[in-house]
Amino acid sequence: MTSKSRGIRNNNPLNIEYNKNNQWTEQTGVELLGRFATFSHMKYGIRASAKLIKNYMTRYGLVTVFDIINRWAPDHENPTNVYADTVAARMGVEVHQPLTHAHIPDLVYEMIKFECGVYVDRALVMEGSRLAGAV
C-alpha cells in the first residue's frame, strides 16, 4: 500500500470529481473507486483545479477564500471553516478578503497542502495555473 494521498496518486491534487461530460486536458479517466478524475501529469490536474477556481471567480463571483472553499469542499464532506481559515492564514490573507486571479497559484498551492498533506513543487502550480490562463 502506498503512503501517497489519493490526489497525488491520481495527479489530481485537489480531488476533482470525475464527470464523463468534462474532458479535461490530459484527463486519463477515473480512479478505481470511480469518484475522482485522473490525469497524465500533475500539471494537468493543477490546470483543471486552477481553471475551476478561475471560473468560480469569474462566473459565480466567488472571490474570497471562504467562498471558493465553501463551494469546493462543502461542509457536509469537509471541515470547511477549518479548511478556509488554514488556507487563508498560510496565504497571509483574510478569509473574507476579495482575491484576484493573481492569487490563484497561492490559493491552489495551499489548498493542495490541506487536501493532500504535502506541498507540491511551486513551479508545477505556476505551470498548471498558467496553462489554465489564471496568471
C-alpha atoms as a PDB file:
ATOM      1  CA  MET A   1       0.000   0.000   0.000  1.00  0.00           C
ATOM      2  CA  THR A   2       1.344   3.402  -0.930  1.00  0.00           C
ATOM      3  CA  SER A   3       1.557   6.257   1.546  1.00  0.00           C
ATOM      4  CA  LYS A   4       0.800   8.858  -1.127  1.00  0.00           C
ATOM      5  CA  SER A   5      -2.572  10.559  -0.897  1.00  0.00           C
ATOM      6  CA  ARG A   6      -5.218   9.817  -3.494  1.00  0.00           C
ATOM      7  CA  GLY A   7      -4.820  13.296  -5.005  1.00  0.00           C
ATOM      8  CA  ILE A   8      -1.093  12.774  -5.521  1.00  0.00           C
ATOM      9  CA  ARG A   9      -1.556   9.249  -6.925  1.00  0.00           C
ATOM     10  CA  ASN A  10      -4.199  10.493  -9.374  1.00  0.00           C
ATOM     11  CA  ASN A  11      -2.238  13.617 -10.399  1.00  0.00           C
ATOM     12  CA  ASN A  12      -5.395  15.381  -9.207  1.00  0.00           C
ATOM     13  CA  PRO A  13      -4.237  17.102  -6.017  1.00  0.00           C
ATOM     14  CA  LEU A  14      -7.492  18.957  -5.355  1.00  0.00           C
ATOM     15  CA  ASN A  15      -9.556  15.816  -5.962  1.00  0.00           C
ATOM     16  CA  ILE A  16     -11.754  16.981  -8.825  1.00  0.00           C
ATOM     17  CA  GLU A  17     -14.657  14.585  -9.142  1.00  0.00           C
ATOM     18  CA  TYR A  18     -14.860  12.660 -12.392  1.00  0.00           C
ATOM     19  CA  ASN A  19     -17.641  13.679 -14.752  1.00  0.00           C
ATOM     20  CA  LYS A  20     -17.893  11.955 -18.127  1.00  0.00           C
ATOM     21  CA  ASN A  21     -19.049  15.264 -19.648  1.00  0.00           C
ATOM     22  CA  ASN A  22     -15.830  17.037 -18.641  1.00  0.00           C
ATOM     23  CA  GLN A  23     -12.974  16.231 -20.955  1.00  0.00           C
ATOM     24  CA  TRP A  24     -10.129  17.966 -19.169  1.00  0.00           C
ATOM     25  CA  THR A  25      -6.834  18.328 -20.997  1.00  0.00           C
ATOM     26  CA  GLU A  26      -4.795  15.162 -20.339  1.00  0.00           C
ATOM     27  CA  GLN A  27      -7.515  13.584 -18.203  1.00  0.00           C
ATOM     28  CA  THR A  28      -6.856   9.861 -18.355  1.00  0.00           C
ATOM     29  CA  GLY A  29     -10.044   8.595 -16.769  1.00  0.00           C
ATOM     30  CA  VAL A  30     -11.380   7.866 -13.338  1.00  0.00           C
ATOM     31  CA  GLU A  31      -9.749   6.244 -10.318  1.00  0.00           C
ATOM     32  CA  LEU A  32     -10.587   2.641  -9.450  1.00  0.00           C
ATOM     33  CA  LEU A  33     -13.128   3.700  -6.826  1.00  0.00           C
ATOM     34  CA  GLY A  34     -14.959   5.676  -9.511  1.00  0.00           C
ATOM     35  CA  ARG A  35     -15.156   9.097  -7.874  1.00  0.00           C
ATOM     36  CA  PHE A  36     -12.157  11.230  -8.834  1.00  0.00           C
ATOM     37  CA  ALA A  37     -10.614  12.075 -12.201  1.00  0.00           C
ATOM     38  CA  THR A  38      -7.078  11.006 -13.055  1.00  0.00           C
ATOM     39  CA  PHE A  39      -4.574  12.976 -15.116  1.00  0.00           C
ATOM     40  CA  SER A  40      -1.440  12.088 -17.075  1.00  0.00           C
ATOM     41  CA  HIS A  41       0.707  14.586 -15.163  1.00  0.00           C
ATOM     42  CA  MET A  42       0.338  16.683 -12.027  1.00  0.00           C
ATOM     43  CA  LYS A  43       0.455  19.947 -14.004  1.00  0.00           C
ATOM     44  CA  TYR A  44      -2.770  18.975 -15.792  1.00  0.00           C
ATOM     45  CA  GLY A  45      -4.588  18.175 -12.554  1.00  0.00           C
ATOM     46  CA  ILE A  46      -3.423  21.543 -11.249  1.00  0.00           C
ATOM     47  CA  ARG A  47      -4.515  23.183 -14.514  1.00  0.00           C
ATOM     48  CA  ALA A  48      -8.036  21.790 -14.095  1.00  0.00           C
ATOM     49  CA  SER A  49      -8.147  22.989 -10.475  1.00  0.00           C
ATOM     50  CA  ALA A  50      -6.936  26.483 -11.367  1.00  0.00           C
ATOM     51  CA  LYS A  51      -9.426  26.665 -14.244  1.00  0.00           C
ATOM     52  CA  LEU A  52     -12.317  25.710 -11.955  1.00  0.00           C
ATOM     53  CA  ILE A  53     -11.279  28.301  -9.371  1.00  0.00           C
ATOM     54  CA  LYS A  54     -10.934  30.931 -12.100  1.00  0.00           C
ATOM     55  CA  ASN A  55     -14.476  30.034 -13.217  1.00  0.00           C
ATOM     56  CA  TYR A  56     -15.751  30.303  -9.638  1.00  0.00           C
ATOM     57  CA  MET A  57     -14.333  33.830  -9.511  1.00  0.00           C
ATOM     58  CA  THR A  58     -15.398  34.965 -12.978  1.00  0.00           C
ATOM     59  CA  ARG A  59     -18.748  33.242 -13.487  1.00  0.00           C
ATOM     60  CA  TYR A  60     -20.082  32.973  -9.956  1.00  0.00           C
ATOM     61  CA  GLY A  61     -18.467  35.915  -8.167  1.00  0.00           C
ATOM     62  CA  LEU A  62     -16.843  33.671  -5.563  1.00  0.00           C
ATOM     63  CA  VAL A  63     -13.759  35.734  -4.785  1.00  0.00           C
ATOM     64  CA  THR A  64     -12.850  35.058  -1.167  1.00  0.00           C
ATOM     65  CA  VAL A  65     -11.005  32.072   0.247  1.00  0.00           C
ATOM     66  CA  PHE A  66     -14.117  31.194   2.234  1.00  0.00           C
ATOM     67  CA  ASP A  67     -16.498  31.411  -0.722  1.00  0.00           C
ATOM     68  CA  ILE A  68     -14.249  29.360  -3.002  1.00  0.00           C
ATOM     69  CA  ILE A  69     -13.543  26.652  -0.438  1.00  0.00           C
ATOM     70  CA  ASN A  70     -17.170  26.553   0.713  1.00  0.00           C
ATOM     71  CA  ARG A  71     -18.141  25.587  -2.839  1.00  0.00           C
ATOM     72  CA  TRP A  72     -15.089  23.364  -3.425  1.00  0.00           C
ATOM     73  CA  ALA A  73     -15.314  21.445  -0.167  1.00  0.00           C
ATOM     74  CA  PRO A  74     -18.828  21.805   1.287  1.00  0.00           C
ATOM     75  CA  ASP A  75     -19.225  21.267   5.000  1.00  0.00           C
ATOM     76  CA  HIS A  76     -21.223  18.061   4.602  1.00  0.00           C
ATOM     77  CA  GLU A  77     -17.956  16.452   3.394  1.00  0.00           C
ATOM     78  CA  ASN A  78     -15.202  18.605   4.900  1.00  0.00           C
ATOM     79  CA  PRO A  79     -14.361  20.891   7.828  1.00  0.00           C
ATOM     80  CA  THR A  80     -14.962  23.896   5.564  1.00  0.00           C
ATOM     81  CA  ASN A  81     -14.280  26.602   8.157  1.00  0.00           C
ATOM     82  CA  VAL A  82     -11.024  24.995   9.277  1.00  0.00           C
ATOM     83  CA  TYR A  83     -10.023  24.452   5.637  1.00  0.00           C
ATOM     84  CA  ALA A  84     -10.712  28.093   4.682  1.00  0.00           C
ATOM     85  CA  ASP A  85      -9.092  29.527   7.820  1.00  0.00           C
ATOM     86  CA  THR A  86      -5.977  27.383   7.363  1.00  0.00           C
ATOM     87  CA  VAL A  87      -5.552  28.248   3.688  1.00  0.00           C
ATOM     88  CA  ALA A  88      -6.150  31.972   4.239  1.00  0.00           C
ATOM     89  CA  ALA A  89      -3.651  32.091   7.113  1.00  0.00           C
ATOM     90  CA  ARG A  90      -0.993  30.294   5.066  1.00  0.00           C
ATOM     91  CA  MET A  91      -1.612  32.707   2.181  1.00  0.00           C
ATOM     92  CA  GLY A  92      -1.373  35.709   4.504  1.00  0.00           C
ATOM     93  CA  VAL A  93      -4.859  36.991   3.621  1.00  0.00           C
ATOM     94  CA  GLU A  94      -8.133  37.341   5.489  1.00  0.00           C
ATOM     95  CA  VAL A  95     -10.637  34.557   4.897  1.00  0.00           C
ATOM     96  CA  HIS A  96     -13.240  37.029   3.540  1.00  0.00           C
ATOM     97  CA  GLN A  97     -10.775  39.265   1.685  1.00  0.00           C
ATOM     98  CA  PRO A  98     -11.528  39.574  -2.050  1.00  0.00           C
ATOM     99  CA  LEU A  99      -8.906  37.833  -4.180  1.00  0.00           C
ATOM    100  CA  THR A 100      -7.870  38.338  -7.791  1.00  0.00           C
ATOM    101  CA  HIS A 101      -6.710  35.868 -10.415  1.00  0.00           C
ATOM    102  CA  ALA A 102      -3.160  36.688  -9.317  1.00  0.00           C
ATOM    103  CA  HIS A 103      -3.918  34.860  -6.037  1.00  0.00           C
ATOM    104  CA  ILE A 104      -4.939  31.618  -7.755  1.00  0.00           C
ATOM    105  CA  PRO A 105      -1.488  29.954  -7.729  1.00  0.00           C
ATOM    106  CA  ASP A 106      -1.035  30.614  -3.989  1.00  0.00           C
ATOM    107  CA  LEU A 107      -4.597  29.503  -3.284  1.00  0.00           C
ATOM    108  CA  VAL A 108      -4.122  26.259  -5.219  1.00  0.00           C
ATOM    109  CA  TYR A 109      -0.726  25.683  -3.567  1.00  0.00           C
ATOM    110  CA  GLU A 110      -2.186  25.977  -0.068  1.00  0.00           C
ATOM    111  CA  MET A 111      -5.333  24.003  -0.916  1.00  0.00           C
ATOM    112  CA  ILE A 112      -3.116  21.153  -2.134  1.00  0.00           C
ATOM    113  CA  LYS A 113      -1.288  21.164   1.207  1.00  0.00           C
ATOM    114  CA  PHE A 114      -4.612  20.953   3.042  1.00  0.00           C
ATOM    115  CA  GLU A 115      -6.087  18.273   0.753  1.00  0.00           C
ATOM    116  CA  CYS A 116      -3.002  16.073   0.361  1.00  0.00           C
ATOM    117  CA  GLY A 117      -0.968  16.842   3.466  1.00  0.00           C
ATOM    118  CA  VAL A 118       2.095  17.776   1.412  1.00  0.00           C
ATOM    119  CA  TYR A 119       3.198  20.642  -0.759  1.00  0.00           C
ATOM    120  CA  VAL A 120       3.859  20.028  -4.424  1.00  0.00           C
ATOM    121  CA  ASP A 121       6.546  21.904  -6.308  1.00  0.00           C
ATOM    122  CA  ARG A 122       5.506  25.545  -6.576  1.00  0.00           C
ATOM    123  CA  ALA A 123       6.821  25.613 -10.165  1.00  0.00           C
ATOM    124  CA  LEU A 124       4.245  22.919 -11.052  1.00  0.00           C
ATOM    125  CA  VAL A 125       1.495  25.012  -9.510  1.00  0.00           C
ATOM    126  CA  MET A 126       2.624  28.038 -11.516  1.00  0.00           C
ATOM    127  CA  GLU A 127       2.772  25.987 -14.712  1.00  0.00           C
ATOM    128  CA  GLY A 128      -0.681  24.500 -14.164  1.00  0.00           C
ATOM    129  CA  SER A 129      -2.086  27.938 -13.339  1.00  0.00           C
ATOM    130  CA  ARG A 130      -0.501  29.387 -16.465  1.00  0.00           C
ATOM    131  CA  LEU A 131      -1.971  26.576 -18.581  1.00  0.00           C
ATOM    132  CA  ALA A 132      -5.374  27.453 -17.092  1.00  0.00           C
ATOM    133  CA  GLY A 133      -4.977  31.103 -18.069  1.00  0.00           C
ATOM    134  CA  ALA A 134      -5.125  32.060 -14.405  1.00  0.00           C
ATOM    135  CA  VAL A 135      -1.842  34.013 -14.402  1.00  0.00           C
END
